[in-house]
N, C-alpha and C. Protein backbone atom coordinates (compact mmCIF):
# COMPACT_ATOMS: atom_id res chain seq x y z
N UNK A 1 -18.92 -73.24 19.65
CA UNK A 1 -19.09 -72.38 18.54
C UNK A 1 -17.94 -71.39 18.45
N UNK A 2 -17.35 -71.26 17.28
CA UNK A 2 -16.26 -70.28 17.24
C UNK A 2 -16.73 -69.05 16.41
N UNK A 3 -16.37 -67.94 16.87
CA UNK A 3 -16.65 -66.74 16.14
C UNK A 3 -15.39 -66.30 15.36
N UNK A 4 -15.69 -65.82 14.21
CA UNK A 4 -14.56 -65.29 13.45
C UNK A 4 -13.88 -64.18 14.14
N UNK A 5 -12.56 -64.09 14.11
CA UNK A 5 -11.87 -63.02 14.79
C UNK A 5 -12.25 -61.65 14.12
N UNK A 6 -12.42 -60.69 14.95
CA UNK A 6 -12.75 -59.38 14.43
C UNK A 6 -11.59 -58.67 13.79
N UNK A 7 -11.84 -58.01 12.69
CA UNK A 7 -10.83 -57.39 11.95
C UNK A 7 -10.77 -55.86 12.49
N UNK A 8 -9.73 -55.52 13.29
CA UNK A 8 -9.72 -54.13 13.74
C UNK A 8 -9.56 -53.02 12.66
N UNK A 9 -9.04 -53.42 11.54
CA UNK A 9 -8.86 -52.46 10.38
C UNK A 9 -10.19 -52.05 9.77
N UNK A 10 -11.21 -52.98 9.84
CA UNK A 10 -12.42 -52.71 9.24
C UNK A 10 -13.13 -51.52 9.84
N UNK A 11 -13.05 -51.40 11.19
CA UNK A 11 -13.65 -50.24 11.88
C UNK A 11 -13.00 -48.89 11.53
N UNK A 12 -11.75 -48.98 11.27
CA UNK A 12 -10.96 -47.73 10.86
C UNK A 12 -11.39 -47.33 9.46
N UNK A 13 -11.69 -48.22 8.63
CA UNK A 13 -12.09 -47.93 7.20
C UNK A 13 -13.38 -47.17 7.26
N UNK A 14 -14.31 -47.50 8.18
CA UNK A 14 -15.59 -46.79 8.26
C UNK A 14 -15.41 -45.46 8.80
N UNK A 15 -14.50 -45.29 9.79
CA UNK A 15 -14.22 -43.94 10.28
C UNK A 15 -13.52 -43.08 9.24
N UNK A 16 -12.61 -43.67 8.44
CA UNK A 16 -11.95 -42.95 7.41
C UNK A 16 -12.91 -42.44 6.39
N UNK A 17 -13.92 -43.20 6.07
CA UNK A 17 -14.79 -42.76 5.03
C UNK A 17 -15.78 -41.66 5.60
N UNK A 18 -15.96 -41.65 6.90
CA UNK A 18 -16.86 -40.68 7.51
C UNK A 18 -16.10 -39.35 7.72
N UNK A 19 -14.74 -39.37 7.75
CA UNK A 19 -14.05 -38.13 8.02
C UNK A 19 -14.45 -36.94 7.22
N UNK A 20 -14.56 -37.06 5.88
CA UNK A 20 -14.96 -35.86 5.05
C UNK A 20 -16.30 -35.32 5.47
N UNK A 21 -17.24 -36.26 5.79
CA UNK A 21 -18.54 -35.90 6.17
C UNK A 21 -18.58 -35.20 7.50
N UNK A 22 -17.80 -35.65 8.39
CA UNK A 22 -17.68 -35.12 9.75
C UNK A 22 -17.02 -33.72 9.68
N UNK A 23 -16.06 -33.58 8.82
CA UNK A 23 -15.42 -32.25 8.61
C UNK A 23 -16.37 -31.27 8.03
N UNK A 24 -17.13 -31.67 7.03
CA UNK A 24 -18.12 -30.74 6.40
C UNK A 24 -19.18 -30.35 7.48
N UNK A 25 -19.60 -31.27 8.24
CA UNK A 25 -20.68 -30.97 9.24
C UNK A 25 -20.15 -29.93 10.29
N UNK A 26 -18.89 -30.13 10.72
CA UNK A 26 -18.25 -29.20 11.68
C UNK A 26 -18.11 -27.82 11.09
N UNK A 27 -17.70 -27.79 9.83
CA UNK A 27 -17.55 -26.47 9.13
C UNK A 27 -18.87 -25.73 9.02
N UNK A 28 -19.92 -26.47 8.67
CA UNK A 28 -21.22 -25.85 8.50
C UNK A 28 -21.74 -25.37 9.81
N UNK A 29 -21.56 -26.16 10.86
CA UNK A 29 -21.99 -25.65 12.17
C UNK A 29 -21.28 -24.41 12.61
N UNK A 30 -19.97 -24.32 12.37
CA UNK A 30 -19.23 -23.19 12.74
C UNK A 30 -19.76 -21.86 11.93
N UNK A 31 -19.96 -22.10 10.66
CA UNK A 31 -20.40 -20.99 9.84
C UNK A 31 -21.81 -20.56 10.27
N UNK A 32 -22.70 -21.51 10.57
CA UNK A 32 -24.00 -21.21 10.96
C UNK A 32 -24.09 -20.46 12.27
N UNK A 33 -23.20 -20.75 13.18
CA UNK A 33 -23.19 -20.02 14.43
C UNK A 33 -22.54 -18.67 14.30
N UNK A 34 -21.69 -18.46 13.24
CA UNK A 34 -21.15 -17.11 13.08
C UNK A 34 -22.09 -16.21 12.36
N UNK A 35 -23.14 -16.71 11.73
CA UNK A 35 -24.14 -15.92 11.01
C UNK A 35 -24.91 -15.04 11.96
N UNK A 36 -25.10 -15.46 13.24
CA UNK A 36 -25.73 -14.64 14.22
C UNK A 36 -24.96 -13.49 14.88
N UNK A 37 -23.72 -13.38 14.52
CA UNK A 37 -22.80 -12.34 15.09
C UNK A 37 -23.09 -10.99 14.38
N UNK A 38 -22.94 -9.90 15.07
CA UNK A 38 -23.10 -8.60 14.44
C UNK A 38 -22.02 -8.32 13.50
N UNK A 39 -22.20 -7.49 12.48
CA UNK A 39 -21.08 -7.19 11.57
C UNK A 39 -19.95 -6.40 12.26
N UNK A 40 -18.71 -6.57 11.72
CA UNK A 40 -17.65 -5.80 12.25
C UNK A 40 -17.76 -4.38 11.73
N UNK A 41 -17.73 -3.46 12.67
CA UNK A 41 -17.80 -2.03 12.17
C UNK A 41 -16.62 -1.64 11.41
N UNK A 42 -16.83 -0.82 10.34
CA UNK A 42 -15.70 -0.28 9.63
C UNK A 42 -15.25 1.04 10.24
N UNK A 43 -14.07 1.20 10.54
CA UNK A 43 -13.50 2.35 11.12
C UNK A 43 -12.37 2.85 10.19
N UNK A 44 -12.29 4.14 10.00
CA UNK A 44 -11.13 4.64 9.19
C UNK A 44 -9.96 4.72 10.03
N UNK A 45 -8.78 4.59 9.48
CA UNK A 45 -7.53 4.78 10.21
C UNK A 45 -7.43 6.25 10.72
N UNK A 46 -6.94 6.39 11.93
CA UNK A 46 -6.90 7.72 12.49
C UNK A 46 -5.97 8.58 11.61
N UNK A 47 -6.33 9.88 11.48
CA UNK A 47 -5.54 10.78 10.65
C UNK A 47 -4.24 11.11 11.41
N UNK A 48 -3.19 11.07 10.66
CA UNK A 48 -1.80 11.40 11.29
C UNK A 48 -1.71 12.92 11.31
N UNK A 49 -1.40 13.45 12.44
CA UNK A 49 -1.21 14.83 12.54
C UNK A 49 0.22 15.30 12.52
N UNK A 50 1.03 14.46 12.92
CA UNK A 50 2.49 14.78 12.80
C UNK A 50 3.39 13.51 12.44
N UNK A 51 4.42 13.73 11.73
CA UNK A 51 5.30 12.56 11.35
C UNK A 51 6.72 13.00 11.58
N UNK A 52 7.41 12.49 12.55
CA UNK A 52 8.76 12.83 12.78
C UNK A 52 9.01 14.33 13.12
N UNK A 53 8.10 14.93 13.80
CA UNK A 53 8.21 16.32 14.13
C UNK A 53 7.70 17.22 13.03
N UNK A 54 7.20 16.58 11.94
CA UNK A 54 6.65 17.45 10.85
C UNK A 54 5.11 17.33 10.89
N UNK A 55 4.45 18.40 10.59
CA UNK A 55 2.94 18.44 10.59
C UNK A 55 2.44 17.90 9.26
N UNK A 56 1.58 17.00 9.32
CA UNK A 56 0.92 16.45 8.03
C UNK A 56 -0.31 17.19 7.73
N UNK A 57 -0.54 17.34 6.50
CA UNK A 57 -1.67 18.13 5.96
C UNK A 57 -2.06 17.44 4.62
N UNK A 58 -3.38 17.15 4.51
CA UNK A 58 -3.95 16.60 3.34
C UNK A 58 -4.79 17.65 2.59
N UNK A 59 -4.47 17.91 1.31
CA UNK A 59 -5.31 18.80 0.52
C UNK A 59 -5.59 18.06 -0.75
N UNK A 60 -6.89 17.66 -0.92
CA UNK A 60 -7.26 16.84 -2.08
C UNK A 60 -6.49 15.50 -2.01
N UNK A 61 -5.81 15.14 -3.07
CA UNK A 61 -5.12 13.85 -3.14
C UNK A 61 -3.65 14.11 -2.78
N UNK A 62 -3.25 15.26 -2.38
CA UNK A 62 -1.81 15.59 -2.09
C UNK A 62 -1.60 15.72 -0.57
N UNK A 63 -0.58 15.10 -0.13
CA UNK A 63 -0.24 15.13 1.34
C UNK A 63 1.05 15.92 1.50
N UNK A 64 1.04 16.91 2.32
CA UNK A 64 2.12 17.76 2.64
C UNK A 64 2.66 17.50 4.05
N UNK A 65 3.99 17.59 4.24
CA UNK A 65 4.63 17.55 5.53
C UNK A 65 5.28 18.93 5.71
N UNK A 66 4.94 19.60 6.72
CA UNK A 66 5.46 20.97 7.04
C UNK A 66 6.31 20.97 8.30
N UNK A 67 7.39 21.72 8.28
CA UNK A 67 8.17 21.78 9.51
C UNK A 67 7.54 22.84 10.48
N UNK A 68 8.22 23.05 11.60
CA UNK A 68 7.65 24.02 12.59
C UNK A 68 7.51 25.49 12.07
N UNK A 69 8.35 25.81 11.08
CA UNK A 69 8.26 27.17 10.48
C UNK A 69 7.23 27.24 9.43
N UNK A 70 6.49 26.12 9.17
CA UNK A 70 5.44 26.21 8.14
C UNK A 70 6.01 25.96 6.73
N UNK A 71 7.21 25.56 6.60
CA UNK A 71 7.85 25.30 5.27
C UNK A 71 7.50 23.96 4.87
N UNK A 72 7.12 23.72 3.62
CA UNK A 72 6.86 22.33 3.06
C UNK A 72 8.19 21.65 2.94
N UNK A 73 8.26 20.41 3.54
CA UNK A 73 9.41 19.63 3.52
C UNK A 73 9.28 18.42 2.58
N UNK A 74 7.97 18.01 2.37
CA UNK A 74 7.64 16.85 1.54
C UNK A 74 6.28 16.94 0.91
N UNK A 75 6.16 16.49 -0.27
CA UNK A 75 4.85 16.50 -1.00
C UNK A 75 4.71 15.19 -1.58
N UNK A 76 3.58 14.46 -1.24
CA UNK A 76 3.33 13.11 -1.85
C UNK A 76 1.94 13.13 -2.47
N UNK A 77 1.90 12.47 -3.62
CA UNK A 77 0.60 12.26 -4.27
C UNK A 77 0.67 10.94 -4.96
N UNK A 78 -0.51 10.45 -5.30
CA UNK A 78 -0.64 9.11 -5.96
C UNK A 78 -1.80 9.23 -6.93
N UNK A 79 -1.68 8.61 -8.07
CA UNK A 79 -2.80 8.37 -8.94
C UNK A 79 -3.02 6.87 -8.99
N UNK A 80 -4.19 6.43 -8.47
CA UNK A 80 -4.45 5.03 -8.33
C UNK A 80 -5.65 4.61 -9.21
N UNK A 81 -5.41 3.87 -10.23
CA UNK A 81 -6.54 3.32 -10.99
C UNK A 81 -6.34 1.79 -11.04
N UNK A 82 -7.35 1.02 -11.43
CA UNK A 82 -7.23 -0.47 -11.26
C UNK A 82 -5.99 -1.10 -11.84
N UNK A 83 -5.55 -0.67 -13.00
CA UNK A 83 -4.44 -1.30 -13.60
C UNK A 83 -3.18 -0.44 -13.69
N UNK A 84 -3.20 0.71 -12.95
CA UNK A 84 -2.14 1.57 -13.13
C UNK A 84 -1.92 2.40 -11.82
N UNK A 85 -0.72 2.51 -11.31
CA UNK A 85 -0.48 3.24 -10.12
C UNK A 85 0.79 4.09 -10.30
N UNK A 86 0.56 5.43 -9.95
CA UNK A 86 1.73 6.38 -9.98
C UNK A 86 1.84 6.97 -8.65
N UNK A 87 2.98 6.91 -8.04
CA UNK A 87 3.35 7.54 -6.73
C UNK A 87 4.48 8.46 -6.89
N UNK A 88 4.33 9.71 -6.36
CA UNK A 88 5.44 10.68 -6.46
C UNK A 88 5.65 11.25 -5.12
N UNK A 89 6.92 11.39 -4.78
CA UNK A 89 7.30 12.10 -3.44
C UNK A 89 8.39 13.09 -3.83
N UNK A 90 8.06 14.32 -3.47
CA UNK A 90 9.00 15.45 -3.66
C UNK A 90 9.56 15.89 -2.29
N UNK A 91 10.81 16.12 -2.19
CA UNK A 91 11.51 16.52 -0.94
C UNK A 91 12.08 17.93 -1.13
N UNK A 92 11.97 18.71 -0.05
CA UNK A 92 12.44 20.08 -0.12
C UNK A 92 13.29 20.42 1.18
N UNK A 93 14.37 21.31 0.97
CA UNK A 93 15.20 21.66 2.13
C UNK A 93 14.44 22.77 2.92
N UNK A 94 15.13 23.27 3.96
CA UNK A 94 14.55 24.22 4.86
C UNK A 94 14.27 25.53 4.16
N UNK A 95 14.97 25.86 3.12
CA UNK A 95 14.70 27.09 2.38
C UNK A 95 13.64 26.93 1.31
N UNK A 96 13.09 25.71 1.25
CA UNK A 96 11.91 25.52 0.30
C UNK A 96 12.38 25.14 -1.08
N UNK A 97 13.66 24.83 -1.23
CA UNK A 97 14.11 24.38 -2.56
C UNK A 97 13.94 22.84 -2.75
N UNK A 98 13.57 22.48 -3.92
CA UNK A 98 13.42 21.13 -4.28
C UNK A 98 14.84 20.44 -4.23
N UNK A 99 14.89 19.23 -3.45
CA UNK A 99 16.17 18.53 -3.34
C UNK A 99 16.08 17.17 -3.92
N UNK A 100 14.91 16.53 -4.02
CA UNK A 100 14.78 15.21 -4.57
C UNK A 100 13.38 14.85 -4.95
N UNK A 101 13.24 13.89 -5.83
CA UNK A 101 12.01 13.35 -6.20
C UNK A 101 12.09 11.78 -6.37
N UNK A 102 11.07 11.14 -6.01
CA UNK A 102 11.04 9.63 -6.31
C UNK A 102 9.70 9.44 -6.99
N UNK A 103 9.80 8.69 -8.06
CA UNK A 103 8.66 8.38 -8.91
C UNK A 103 8.57 6.92 -9.14
N UNK A 104 7.40 6.35 -8.74
CA UNK A 104 7.14 4.89 -8.90
C UNK A 104 5.86 4.81 -9.75
N UNK A 105 5.98 3.99 -10.84
CA UNK A 105 4.84 3.89 -11.75
C UNK A 105 4.78 2.48 -12.12
N UNK A 106 3.64 1.79 -11.89
CA UNK A 106 3.36 0.45 -12.34
C UNK A 106 2.13 0.35 -13.13
N UNK A 107 2.06 -0.64 -13.95
CA UNK A 107 0.92 -0.84 -14.84
C UNK A 107 0.58 -2.33 -14.93
N UNK A 108 -0.33 -2.71 -15.73
CA UNK A 108 -0.69 -4.10 -15.81
C UNK A 108 0.46 -4.98 -16.38
N UNK A 109 1.41 -4.37 -17.00
CA UNK A 109 2.54 -5.11 -17.53
C UNK A 109 3.69 -5.14 -16.42
N UNK A 110 3.51 -4.55 -15.33
CA UNK A 110 4.56 -4.50 -14.19
C UNK A 110 5.11 -3.18 -14.07
N UNK A 111 6.41 -3.11 -13.65
CA UNK A 111 7.04 -1.91 -13.26
C UNK A 111 7.37 -1.17 -14.50
N UNK A 112 7.04 0.11 -14.55
CA UNK A 112 7.30 1.01 -15.70
C UNK A 112 8.39 1.93 -15.39
N UNK A 113 8.34 2.52 -14.14
CA UNK A 113 9.27 3.57 -13.71
C UNK A 113 9.52 3.41 -12.20
N UNK A 114 10.76 3.42 -11.79
CA UNK A 114 11.10 3.41 -10.32
C UNK A 114 12.44 4.28 -10.28
N UNK A 115 12.20 5.58 -10.20
CA UNK A 115 13.40 6.49 -10.37
C UNK A 115 13.49 7.40 -9.19
N UNK A 116 14.70 7.81 -8.83
CA UNK A 116 14.97 8.85 -7.89
C UNK A 116 15.83 9.90 -8.59
N UNK A 117 15.50 11.19 -8.30
CA UNK A 117 16.27 12.21 -8.87
C UNK A 117 16.78 13.16 -7.79
N UNK A 118 17.96 13.70 -7.92
CA UNK A 118 18.51 14.68 -6.93
C UNK A 118 18.71 15.97 -7.76
N UNK A 119 18.38 17.11 -7.10
CA UNK A 119 18.42 18.46 -7.59
C UNK A 119 19.49 19.26 -6.87
N UNK A 120 20.14 20.15 -7.52
CA UNK A 120 21.02 21.12 -6.83
C UNK A 120 20.31 22.34 -6.38
N UNK A 121 20.99 23.27 -5.79
CA UNK A 121 20.42 24.41 -5.12
C UNK A 121 19.65 25.32 -6.15
N UNK A 122 20.02 25.21 -7.40
CA UNK A 122 19.42 26.06 -8.42
C UNK A 122 18.28 25.31 -9.12
N UNK A 123 17.90 24.10 -8.63
CA UNK A 123 16.74 23.37 -9.13
C UNK A 123 17.05 22.52 -10.36
N UNK A 124 18.35 22.26 -10.66
CA UNK A 124 18.69 21.44 -11.79
C UNK A 124 18.85 20.04 -11.39
N UNK A 125 18.43 19.12 -12.26
CA UNK A 125 18.54 17.68 -12.03
C UNK A 125 19.93 17.35 -12.18
N UNK A 126 20.61 16.83 -11.12
CA UNK A 126 22.03 16.50 -11.19
C UNK A 126 22.30 14.97 -11.22
N UNK A 127 21.37 14.22 -10.76
CA UNK A 127 21.52 12.79 -10.74
C UNK A 127 20.17 12.09 -10.81
N UNK A 128 20.11 11.02 -11.70
CA UNK A 128 18.95 10.24 -11.73
C UNK A 128 19.45 8.77 -11.70
N UNK A 129 18.73 8.00 -10.74
CA UNK A 129 19.03 6.59 -10.65
C UNK A 129 17.75 5.79 -10.58
N UNK A 130 17.83 4.54 -11.03
CA UNK A 130 16.73 3.67 -10.96
C UNK A 130 16.38 3.01 -12.28
N UNK A 131 15.10 2.67 -12.39
CA UNK A 131 14.65 1.81 -13.56
C UNK A 131 13.69 2.55 -14.45
N UNK A 132 13.90 2.54 -15.71
CA UNK A 132 12.90 3.07 -16.67
C UNK A 132 12.66 2.00 -17.69
N UNK A 133 11.41 1.62 -17.87
CA UNK A 133 11.06 0.66 -18.95
C UNK A 133 11.28 1.32 -20.22
N UNK A 134 11.67 0.52 -21.23
CA UNK A 134 11.84 1.06 -22.58
C UNK A 134 10.64 1.78 -23.09
N UNK A 135 10.79 2.98 -23.60
CA UNK A 135 9.74 3.82 -24.11
C UNK A 135 9.24 4.79 -23.12
N UNK A 136 9.62 4.69 -21.86
CA UNK A 136 9.22 5.68 -20.78
C UNK A 136 10.27 6.70 -20.82
N UNK A 137 10.05 7.78 -21.43
CA UNK A 137 11.17 8.85 -21.52
C UNK A 137 10.76 10.21 -20.96
N UNK A 138 9.69 10.34 -20.36
CA UNK A 138 9.24 11.63 -19.80
C UNK A 138 10.25 12.10 -18.71
N UNK A 139 10.62 13.35 -18.82
CA UNK A 139 11.63 13.85 -17.82
C UNK A 139 10.96 13.88 -16.38
N UNK A 140 11.76 13.77 -15.41
CA UNK A 140 11.26 13.72 -14.00
C UNK A 140 10.48 14.96 -13.64
N UNK A 141 10.90 16.07 -14.22
CA UNK A 141 10.11 17.31 -13.90
C UNK A 141 8.69 17.28 -14.26
N UNK A 142 8.39 16.42 -15.32
CA UNK A 142 6.95 16.36 -15.72
C UNK A 142 6.04 15.76 -14.69
N UNK A 143 6.64 15.06 -13.69
CA UNK A 143 5.86 14.44 -12.59
C UNK A 143 5.70 15.34 -11.40
N UNK A 144 6.43 16.50 -11.39
CA UNK A 144 6.41 17.37 -10.15
C UNK A 144 5.17 18.22 -10.11
N UNK A 145 4.64 18.48 -8.89
CA UNK A 145 3.61 19.35 -8.62
C UNK A 145 4.18 20.66 -8.03
N UNK A 146 3.63 21.85 -8.39
CA UNK A 146 4.04 23.06 -7.79
C UNK A 146 3.62 23.07 -6.31
N UNK A 147 4.43 23.78 -5.53
CA UNK A 147 4.02 24.04 -4.11
C UNK A 147 3.03 25.13 -4.10
N UNK A 148 1.95 25.01 -3.34
CA UNK A 148 0.94 26.14 -3.23
C UNK A 148 1.53 27.23 -2.37
N UNK A 149 1.20 28.40 -2.70
CA UNK A 149 1.69 29.57 -1.94
C UNK A 149 0.88 29.70 -0.58
N UNK A 150 1.52 29.90 0.50
CA UNK A 150 0.89 30.18 1.74
C UNK A 150 0.06 28.98 2.23
N UNK A 151 0.49 27.80 2.11
CA UNK A 151 -0.27 26.62 2.58
C UNK A 151 -0.34 26.71 4.06
N UNK A 152 -1.57 26.61 4.54
CA UNK A 152 -1.83 26.59 5.99
C UNK A 152 -2.62 25.30 6.36
N UNK A 153 -2.14 24.64 7.36
CA UNK A 153 -2.78 23.38 7.71
C UNK A 153 -3.39 23.53 9.16
């Protein structure tokens, strides 16, 4: 009696058809075992107390960097809404005079404003570089926030 020779490829076809089922079973087992794990605790990032020798201070939505003499050297603020982001950074010299500003504004249509401005010792804008989308004509000064008097951190 002769038996038909066995086709080795036939066994591989069965394994190939079972592969998606085996993958789904392994995935479900992994997810089911992860369900019993405790939730990952949410921790806030630690507050930064100094940056490059400057003391950081947060007042409302505005962040200040002060030097050792207590003089504000940088002021940052941001307006964040779902389809609109405005970020402003103001820089000051040791005497407390405005030296520069950087304004970045994006909306749902993309980049609206990405501009840097430099100011002279008298507070006049002497140079503006960067990108302004057509129709965005507000002067850089309109984005500035005044420095609070006697800021203590």
